[in-house]
Amino acid sequence: MQILDMSAFQRFDYEPNSITCLPEMTIHHDFVLFNQTVFRQLGFPKSIFLGFDPEGRRVIIQGLKKPGKGTIDFPETRKRQDFGIYTHERVQFLRALMPEWKDESRFKVVGAYFEAENAMVFALREARPHHSGSGYRSTARRRTALEKE
């Protein structure tokens, strides 16, 4: 006996391994994250060059095939394909480039890919406030807000 009539449904084409989201950098108060799409676009590099352009207010992440002077190298056993900056001084340097940003705010910026250099550039001037989140604290806040309505 069939309970659900499947004939009304059409196939929804979706490939979870394809690029399904934008290459983004999220700037929090005390850390910065580059999502997996950035690394997918860069070809999951063995090492990266991470740079800042203070005058242009830009961040660059360049995928490299082999380590070099001033690069950040990833071990072969690395399981995660995203990357974060957790050094307080570096994060505060980056946030200082944008004095109009409030300390408690989070921002998200989409990267522009430059194929010839295999690099992703993030223009901080194009960053937008990022309000969504996950985890207990944000879920608890949403639940509290819903209860007040």
N, C-alpha and C. Protein backbone atom coordinates (compact mmCIF):
# COMPACT_ATOMS: atom_id res chain seq x y z
N MET A 1 0.84 -1.19 0.00
CA MET A 1 0.00 0.00 0.00
C MET A 1 0.89 1.25 0.00
N GLN A 2 0.63 2.14 -0.91
CA GLN A 2 1.41 3.38 -1.01
C GLN A 2 0.66 4.50 -0.29
N ILE A 3 1.33 5.14 0.65
CA ILE A 3 0.70 6.20 1.42
C ILE A 3 0.91 7.57 0.76
N LEU A 4 2.07 7.77 0.18
CA LEU A 4 2.42 9.06 -0.42
C LEU A 4 2.42 8.94 -1.93
N ASP A 5 1.72 9.85 -2.59
CA ASP A 5 1.68 9.87 -4.05
C ASP A 5 2.92 10.61 -4.56
N MET A 6 3.91 9.86 -5.03
CA MET A 6 5.18 10.44 -5.49
C MET A 6 5.08 11.07 -6.88
N SER A 7 4.01 10.85 -7.60
CA SER A 7 3.90 11.36 -8.96
C SER A 7 3.83 12.88 -9.03
N ALA A 8 3.47 13.53 -7.95
CA ALA A 8 3.39 14.99 -7.94
C ALA A 8 4.75 15.67 -7.80
N PHE A 9 5.77 14.91 -7.42
CA PHE A 9 7.10 15.48 -7.18
C PHE A 9 7.95 15.43 -8.43
N GLN A 10 8.66 16.52 -8.67
CA GLN A 10 9.65 16.58 -9.75
C GLN A 10 11.03 16.49 -9.14
N ARG A 11 11.96 15.95 -9.92
CA ARG A 11 13.33 15.83 -9.44
C ARG A 11 13.93 17.21 -9.21
N PHE A 12 14.60 17.36 -8.07
CA PHE A 12 15.31 18.59 -7.71
C PHE A 12 16.79 18.32 -7.92
N ASP A 13 17.37 18.89 -8.97
CA ASP A 13 18.78 18.65 -9.29
C ASP A 13 19.68 19.40 -8.31
N TYR A 14 20.52 18.63 -7.67
CA TYR A 14 21.44 19.20 -6.68
C TYR A 14 22.62 18.25 -6.53
N GLU A 15 23.82 18.82 -6.62
CA GLU A 15 25.03 18.02 -6.42
C GLU A 15 25.78 18.62 -5.25
N PRO A 16 25.80 17.95 -4.10
CA PRO A 16 26.43 18.52 -2.91
C PRO A 16 27.92 18.79 -3.06
N ASN A 17 28.59 18.13 -3.98
CA ASN A 17 30.02 18.36 -4.14
C ASN A 17 30.35 19.48 -5.10
N SER A 18 29.35 20.06 -5.74
CA SER A 18 29.61 21.18 -6.63
C SER A 18 29.65 22.46 -5.80
N ILE A 19 30.10 23.54 -6.41
CA ILE A 19 30.16 24.81 -5.68
C ILE A 19 28.73 25.31 -5.52
N THR A 20 28.25 25.29 -4.32
CA THR A 20 26.86 25.66 -4.06
C THR A 20 26.75 26.95 -3.26
N CYS A 21 27.87 27.51 -2.88
CA CYS A 21 27.81 28.77 -2.17
C CYS A 21 28.96 29.67 -2.65
N LEU A 22 28.90 30.89 -2.26
CA LEU A 22 29.89 31.87 -2.71
C LEU A 22 31.18 31.76 -1.88
N PRO A 23 32.31 32.13 -2.49
CA PRO A 23 33.57 32.15 -1.72
C PRO A 23 33.55 33.37 -0.79
N GLU A 24 33.51 33.11 0.49
CA GLU A 24 33.33 34.19 1.45
C GLU A 24 34.38 34.19 2.56
N MET A 25 34.62 35.39 3.04
CA MET A 25 35.43 35.61 4.22
C MET A 25 34.49 36.25 5.24
N THR A 26 34.45 35.68 6.45
CA THR A 26 33.62 36.22 7.52
C THR A 26 34.55 36.76 8.60
N ILE A 27 34.33 38.03 8.94
CA ILE A 27 35.17 38.71 9.93
C ILE A 27 34.36 38.84 11.22
N HIS A 28 34.78 38.12 12.23
CA HIS A 28 34.17 38.20 13.55
C HIS A 28 35.00 39.17 14.39
N HIS A 29 34.59 39.36 15.63
CA HIS A 29 35.34 40.27 16.51
C HIS A 29 36.74 39.74 16.79
N ASP A 30 36.88 38.43 16.97
CA ASP A 30 38.18 37.90 17.39
C ASP A 30 38.74 36.81 16.48
N PHE A 31 38.13 36.58 15.31
CA PHE A 31 38.70 35.65 14.34
C PHE A 31 38.11 35.92 12.96
N VAL A 32 38.78 35.38 11.94
CA VAL A 32 38.36 35.54 10.54
C VAL A 32 38.32 34.15 9.93
N LEU A 33 37.27 33.86 9.15
CA LEU A 33 37.14 32.57 8.50
C LEU A 33 37.00 32.72 6.99
N PHE A 34 37.68 31.86 6.25
CA PHE A 34 37.51 31.73 4.81
C PHE A 34 36.78 30.40 4.62
N ASN A 35 35.68 30.39 3.87
CA ASN A 35 34.91 29.15 3.75
C ASN A 35 35.53 28.16 2.77
N GLN A 36 34.96 26.98 2.75
CA GLN A 36 35.49 25.89 1.93
C GLN A 36 35.44 26.23 0.44
N THR A 37 34.46 27.02 0.03
CA THR A 37 34.34 27.39 -1.38
C THR A 37 35.57 28.15 -1.86
N VAL A 38 36.18 28.95 -0.99
CA VAL A 38 37.42 29.65 -1.34
C VAL A 38 38.48 28.62 -1.72
N PHE A 39 38.63 27.60 -0.90
CA PHE A 39 39.68 26.60 -1.15
C PHE A 39 39.34 25.70 -2.33
N ARG A 40 38.07 25.46 -2.55
CA ARG A 40 37.67 24.69 -3.72
C ARG A 40 38.04 25.46 -4.99
N GLN A 41 37.74 26.76 -5.00
CA GLN A 41 38.04 27.61 -6.16
C GLN A 41 39.55 27.67 -6.41
N LEU A 42 40.34 27.66 -5.34
CA LEU A 42 41.80 27.72 -5.46
C LEU A 42 42.42 26.35 -5.75
N GLY A 43 41.61 25.32 -5.86
CA GLY A 43 42.11 23.99 -6.17
C GLY A 43 42.67 23.25 -4.97
N PHE A 44 42.15 23.52 -3.78
CA PHE A 44 42.62 22.90 -2.53
C PHE A 44 44.15 22.90 -2.48
N PRO A 45 44.75 24.10 -2.38
CA PRO A 45 46.21 24.22 -2.46
C PRO A 45 46.94 23.58 -1.29
N LYS A 46 48.21 23.26 -1.53
CA LYS A 46 49.09 22.70 -0.49
C LYS A 46 49.56 23.81 0.46
N SER A 47 49.64 25.03 -0.05
CA SER A 47 50.00 26.17 0.79
C SER A 47 49.34 27.42 0.21
N ILE A 48 49.31 28.48 1.02
CA ILE A 48 48.71 29.75 0.58
C ILE A 48 49.60 30.92 0.95
N PHE A 49 49.44 31.98 0.21
CA PHE A 49 49.99 33.28 0.58
C PHE A 49 48.80 34.10 1.05
N LEU A 50 48.90 34.66 2.23
CA LEU A 50 47.85 35.51 2.79
C LEU A 50 48.42 36.91 2.92
N GLY A 51 47.75 37.88 2.31
CA GLY A 51 48.27 39.25 2.34
C GLY A 51 47.19 40.28 2.58
N PHE A 52 47.63 41.45 3.02
CA PHE A 52 46.74 42.57 3.31
C PHE A 52 47.21 43.77 2.50
N ASP A 53 46.26 44.53 1.97
CA ASP A 53 46.53 45.80 1.30
C ASP A 53 45.86 46.88 2.13
N PRO A 54 46.60 47.51 3.06
CA PRO A 54 45.98 48.48 3.96
C PRO A 54 45.35 49.67 3.24
N GLU A 55 46.02 50.20 2.22
CA GLU A 55 45.48 51.37 1.51
C GLU A 55 44.24 51.01 0.70
N GLY A 56 44.26 49.87 0.04
CA GLY A 56 43.11 49.45 -0.75
C GLY A 56 42.05 48.74 0.06
N ARG A 57 42.35 48.49 1.34
CA ARG A 57 41.44 47.77 2.24
C ARG A 57 41.02 46.44 1.62
N ARG A 58 42.03 45.64 1.27
CA ARG A 58 41.77 44.34 0.65
C ARG A 58 42.60 43.26 1.31
N VAL A 59 42.09 42.03 1.20
CA VAL A 59 42.78 40.84 1.68
C VAL A 59 42.91 39.91 0.48
N ILE A 60 44.07 39.27 0.34
CA ILE A 60 44.26 38.31 -0.74
C ILE A 60 44.67 36.97 -0.15
N ILE A 61 44.15 35.92 -0.75
CA ILE A 61 44.57 34.58 -0.41
C ILE A 61 44.89 33.90 -1.75
N GLN A 62 46.14 33.50 -1.90
CA GLN A 62 46.60 32.90 -3.15
C GLN A 62 46.97 31.45 -2.92
N GLY A 63 46.40 30.58 -3.75
CA GLY A 63 46.71 29.16 -3.66
C GLY A 63 48.01 28.83 -4.37
N LEU A 64 48.88 28.09 -3.68
CA LEU A 64 50.19 27.73 -4.23
C LEU A 64 50.36 26.21 -4.25
N LYS A 65 51.10 25.72 -5.23
CA LYS A 65 51.32 24.28 -5.34
C LYS A 65 52.40 23.78 -4.40
N LYS A 66 53.32 24.66 -4.02
CA LYS A 66 54.35 24.24 -3.09
C LYS A 66 54.69 25.37 -2.13
N PRO A 67 55.21 25.02 -0.97
CA PRO A 67 55.55 26.02 0.04
C PRO A 67 56.65 26.96 -0.43
N GLY A 68 56.66 28.12 0.15
CA GLY A 68 57.69 29.11 -0.14
C GLY A 68 57.86 30.03 1.05
N LYS A 69 58.73 31.00 0.91
CA LYS A 69 58.97 31.95 2.01
C LYS A 69 57.71 32.77 2.28
N GLY A 70 57.28 32.77 3.52
CA GLY A 70 56.12 33.54 3.93
C GLY A 70 54.78 32.90 3.60
N THR A 71 54.77 31.61 3.26
CA THR A 71 53.51 30.93 2.97
C THR A 71 53.00 30.20 4.20
N ILE A 72 51.73 29.87 4.15
CA ILE A 72 51.10 29.05 5.19
C ILE A 72 50.88 27.69 4.55
N ASP A 73 51.47 26.67 5.16
CA ASP A 73 51.45 25.33 4.57
C ASP A 73 50.43 24.45 5.29
N PHE A 74 49.80 23.58 4.51
CA PHE A 74 48.81 22.65 5.05
C PHE A 74 49.34 21.23 4.96
N PRO A 75 49.22 20.48 6.04
CA PRO A 75 49.69 19.08 6.00
C PRO A 75 48.79 18.22 5.11
N GLU A 76 49.35 17.16 4.58
CA GLU A 76 48.60 16.24 3.73
C GLU A 76 47.41 15.63 4.47
N THR A 77 47.53 15.49 5.78
CA THR A 77 46.48 14.85 6.58
C THR A 77 45.36 15.80 6.96
N ARG A 78 45.41 17.02 6.49
CA ARG A 78 44.41 18.02 6.85
C ARG A 78 43.03 17.57 6.39
N LYS A 79 42.09 17.59 7.30
CA LYS A 79 40.74 17.14 6.99
C LYS A 79 39.82 18.30 6.62
N ARG A 80 39.93 19.41 7.31
CA ARG A 80 39.06 20.56 7.03
C ARG A 80 39.57 21.33 5.84
N GLN A 81 38.66 21.90 5.09
CA GLN A 81 39.06 22.64 3.90
C GLN A 81 38.71 24.12 4.01
N ASP A 82 38.49 24.60 5.22
CA ASP A 82 38.34 26.03 5.42
C ASP A 82 39.57 26.52 6.17
N PHE A 83 39.64 27.80 6.45
CA PHE A 83 40.84 28.35 7.06
C PHE A 83 40.44 29.53 7.92
N GLY A 84 41.07 29.66 9.07
CA GLY A 84 40.76 30.76 9.96
C GLY A 84 42.00 31.46 10.46
N ILE A 85 41.83 32.74 10.79
CA ILE A 85 42.87 33.54 11.43
C ILE A 85 42.41 33.76 12.86
N TYR A 86 43.19 33.27 13.79
CA TYR A 86 42.80 33.34 15.20
C TYR A 86 43.78 34.16 16.03
N THR A 87 44.77 34.76 15.41
CA THR A 87 45.73 35.58 16.13
C THR A 87 45.11 36.95 16.38
N HIS A 88 44.95 37.29 17.64
CA HIS A 88 44.27 38.53 18.03
C HIS A 88 44.86 39.76 17.33
N GLU A 89 46.16 39.87 17.29
CA GLU A 89 46.79 41.05 16.70
C GLU A 89 46.47 41.17 15.21
N ARG A 90 46.47 40.05 14.49
CA ARG A 90 46.16 40.06 13.05
C ARG A 90 44.71 40.44 12.80
N VAL A 91 43.81 39.88 13.62
CA VAL A 91 42.38 40.19 13.45
C VAL A 91 42.13 41.66 13.76
N GLN A 92 42.73 42.17 14.82
CA GLN A 92 42.54 43.58 15.17
C GLN A 92 43.15 44.50 14.11
N PHE A 93 44.27 44.09 13.52
CA PHE A 93 44.87 44.86 12.41
C PHE A 93 43.89 44.94 11.26
N LEU A 94 43.29 43.83 10.92
CA LEU A 94 42.33 43.77 9.82
C LEU A 94 41.11 44.64 10.11
N ARG A 95 40.59 44.51 11.32
CA ARG A 95 39.40 45.31 11.69
C ARG A 95 39.73 46.80 11.76
N ALA A 96 40.97 47.14 12.10
CA ALA A 96 41.37 48.56 12.17
C ALA A 96 41.36 49.21 10.79
N LEU A 97 41.44 48.41 9.72
CA LEU A 97 41.36 48.96 8.37
C LEU A 97 39.98 49.54 8.09
N MET A 98 39.02 49.11 8.87
CA MET A 98 37.64 49.56 8.70
C MET A 98 37.16 50.20 10.00
N PRO A 99 37.58 51.44 10.28
CA PRO A 99 37.25 52.06 11.57
C PRO A 99 35.74 52.25 11.78
N GLU A 100 34.96 52.22 10.72
CA GLU A 100 33.51 52.40 10.86
C GLU A 100 32.81 51.14 11.38
N TRP A 101 33.52 50.03 11.42
CA TRP A 101 32.93 48.78 11.93
C TRP A 101 32.84 48.83 13.45
N LYS A 102 31.70 48.44 13.98
CA LYS A 102 31.54 48.34 15.43
C LYS A 102 32.24 47.06 15.90
N ASP A 103 32.82 47.12 17.08
CA ASP A 103 33.58 45.99 17.61
C ASP A 103 32.79 44.69 17.71
N GLU A 104 31.54 44.78 18.10
CA GLU A 104 30.76 43.56 18.30
C GLU A 104 30.13 43.02 17.02
N SER A 105 30.26 43.72 15.92
CA SER A 105 29.64 43.32 14.66
C SER A 105 30.47 42.30 13.90
N ARG A 106 29.76 41.49 13.10
CA ARG A 106 30.41 40.55 12.20
C ARG A 106 30.12 40.99 10.77
N PHE A 107 31.08 40.70 9.88
CA PHE A 107 30.93 41.11 8.49
C PHE A 107 31.30 39.96 7.57
N LYS A 108 30.67 39.96 6.39
CA LYS A 108 30.92 38.93 5.39
C LYS A 108 31.20 39.63 4.07
N VAL A 109 32.22 39.13 3.36
CA VAL A 109 32.55 39.70 2.05
C VAL A 109 32.82 38.55 1.08
N VAL A 110 32.30 38.71 -0.14
CA VAL A 110 32.48 37.71 -1.19
C VAL A 110 33.78 38.01 -1.92
N GLY A 111 34.55 36.98 -2.19
CA GLY A 111 35.82 37.14 -2.88
C GLY A 111 35.68 37.18 -4.39
N ALA A 112 36.62 37.85 -5.04
CA ALA A 112 36.71 37.89 -6.50
C ALA A 112 37.90 37.02 -6.90
N TYR A 113 37.66 36.06 -7.79
CA TYR A 113 38.70 35.11 -8.18
C TYR A 113 39.48 35.62 -9.38
N PHE A 114 40.81 35.52 -9.30
CA PHE A 114 41.70 35.88 -10.39
C PHE A 114 42.43 34.62 -10.82
N GLU A 115 41.98 34.05 -11.93
CA GLU A 115 42.46 32.74 -12.37
C GLU A 115 43.95 32.73 -12.66
N ALA A 116 44.48 33.75 -13.34
CA ALA A 116 45.89 33.77 -13.72
C ALA A 116 46.81 33.67 -12.51
N GLU A 117 46.40 34.28 -11.41
CA GLU A 117 47.20 34.25 -10.18
C GLU A 117 46.74 33.18 -9.21
N ASN A 118 45.64 32.49 -9.53
CA ASN A 118 45.00 31.55 -8.62
C ASN A 118 44.85 32.20 -7.25
N ALA A 119 44.18 33.36 -7.25
CA ALA A 119 44.04 34.15 -6.03
C ALA A 119 42.61 34.64 -5.87
N MET A 120 42.23 34.80 -4.62
CA MET A 120 40.93 35.34 -4.27
C MET A 120 41.18 36.66 -3.52
N VAL A 121 40.53 37.74 -3.97
CA VAL A 121 40.70 39.04 -3.34
C VAL A 121 39.38 39.44 -2.70
N PHE A 122 39.47 39.88 -1.46
CA PHE A 122 38.31 40.30 -0.68
C PHE A 122 38.42 41.80 -0.41
N ALA A 123 37.52 42.58 -1.00
CA ALA A 123 37.49 44.04 -0.80
C ALA A 123 36.67 44.34 0.45
N LEU A 124 37.33 44.78 1.50
CA LEU A 124 36.65 45.01 2.77
C LEU A 124 35.58 46.09 2.66
N ARG A 125 35.73 47.00 1.72
CA ARG A 125 34.72 48.05 1.51
C ARG A 125 33.39 47.46 1.06
N GLU A 126 33.43 46.24 0.51
CA GLU A 126 32.21 45.59 0.04
C GLU A 126 31.60 44.66 1.09
N ALA A 127 32.20 44.61 2.26
CA ALA A 127 31.69 43.74 3.34
C ALA A 127 30.31 44.21 3.79
N ARG A 128 29.48 43.24 4.11
CA ARG A 128 28.13 43.51 4.59
C ARG A 128 27.98 42.92 5.99
N PRO A 129 27.17 43.55 6.84
CA PRO A 129 26.94 42.98 8.16
C PRO A 129 26.41 41.55 8.05
N HIS A 130 26.88 40.71 8.94
CA HIS A 130 26.50 39.30 8.94
C HIS A 130 25.79 39.02 10.26
N HIS A 131 24.50 38.72 10.17
CA HIS A 131 23.71 38.57 11.39
C HIS A 131 23.36 37.14 11.72
N SER A 132 23.44 36.24 10.74
CA SER A 132 23.05 34.87 11.03
C SER A 132 24.16 34.16 11.78
N GLY A 133 23.81 33.04 12.37
CA GLY A 133 24.80 32.28 13.11
C GLY A 133 24.26 30.92 13.43
N SER A 134 25.08 30.15 14.05
CA SER A 134 24.63 28.83 14.47
C SER A 134 25.12 28.60 15.88
N GLY A 135 24.65 27.57 16.46
CA GLY A 135 25.08 27.24 17.81
C GLY A 135 24.06 27.65 18.85
N TYR A 136 24.37 27.29 20.05
CA TYR A 136 23.44 27.46 21.16
C TYR A 136 23.07 28.92 21.40
N ARG A 137 24.04 29.79 21.42
CA ARG A 137 23.76 31.17 21.80
C ARG A 137 22.80 31.84 20.82
N SER A 138 23.06 31.71 19.50
CA SER A 138 22.18 32.36 18.54
C SER A 138 20.81 31.68 18.52
N THR A 139 20.75 30.36 18.69
CA THR A 139 19.48 29.65 18.72
C THR A 139 18.69 30.08 19.95
N ALA A 140 19.37 30.20 21.08
CA ALA A 140 18.70 30.63 22.31
C ALA A 140 18.16 32.05 22.15
N ARG A 141 18.90 32.94 21.50
CA ARG A 141 18.43 34.31 21.28
C ARG A 141 17.19 34.31 20.39
N ARG A 142 17.20 33.51 19.32
CA ARG A 142 16.04 33.44 18.42
C ARG A 142 14.82 32.92 19.19
N ARG A 143 15.02 31.88 19.98
CA ARG A 143 13.93 31.30 20.75
C ARG A 143 13.36 32.34 21.72
N THR A 144 14.22 33.10 22.40
CA THR A 144 13.78 34.14 23.33
C THR A 144 13.00 35.20 22.59
N ALA A 145 13.49 35.61 21.41
CA ALA A 145 12.80 36.63 20.62
C ALA A 145 11.43 36.15 20.18
N LEU A 146 11.32 34.87 19.80
CA LEU A 146 10.04 34.31 19.38
C LEU A 146 9.05 34.25 20.53
N GLU A 147 9.57 33.92 21.72
CA GLU A 147 8.70 33.82 22.90
C GLU A 147 8.14 35.18 23.28
N LYS A 148 8.88 36.26 23.00
CA LYS A 148 8.43 37.61 23.36
C LYS A 148 7.34 38.11 22.41
N GLU A 149 7.28 37.53 21.20
CA GLU A 149 6.28 38.01 20.22
C GLU A 149 4.88 37.59 20.59
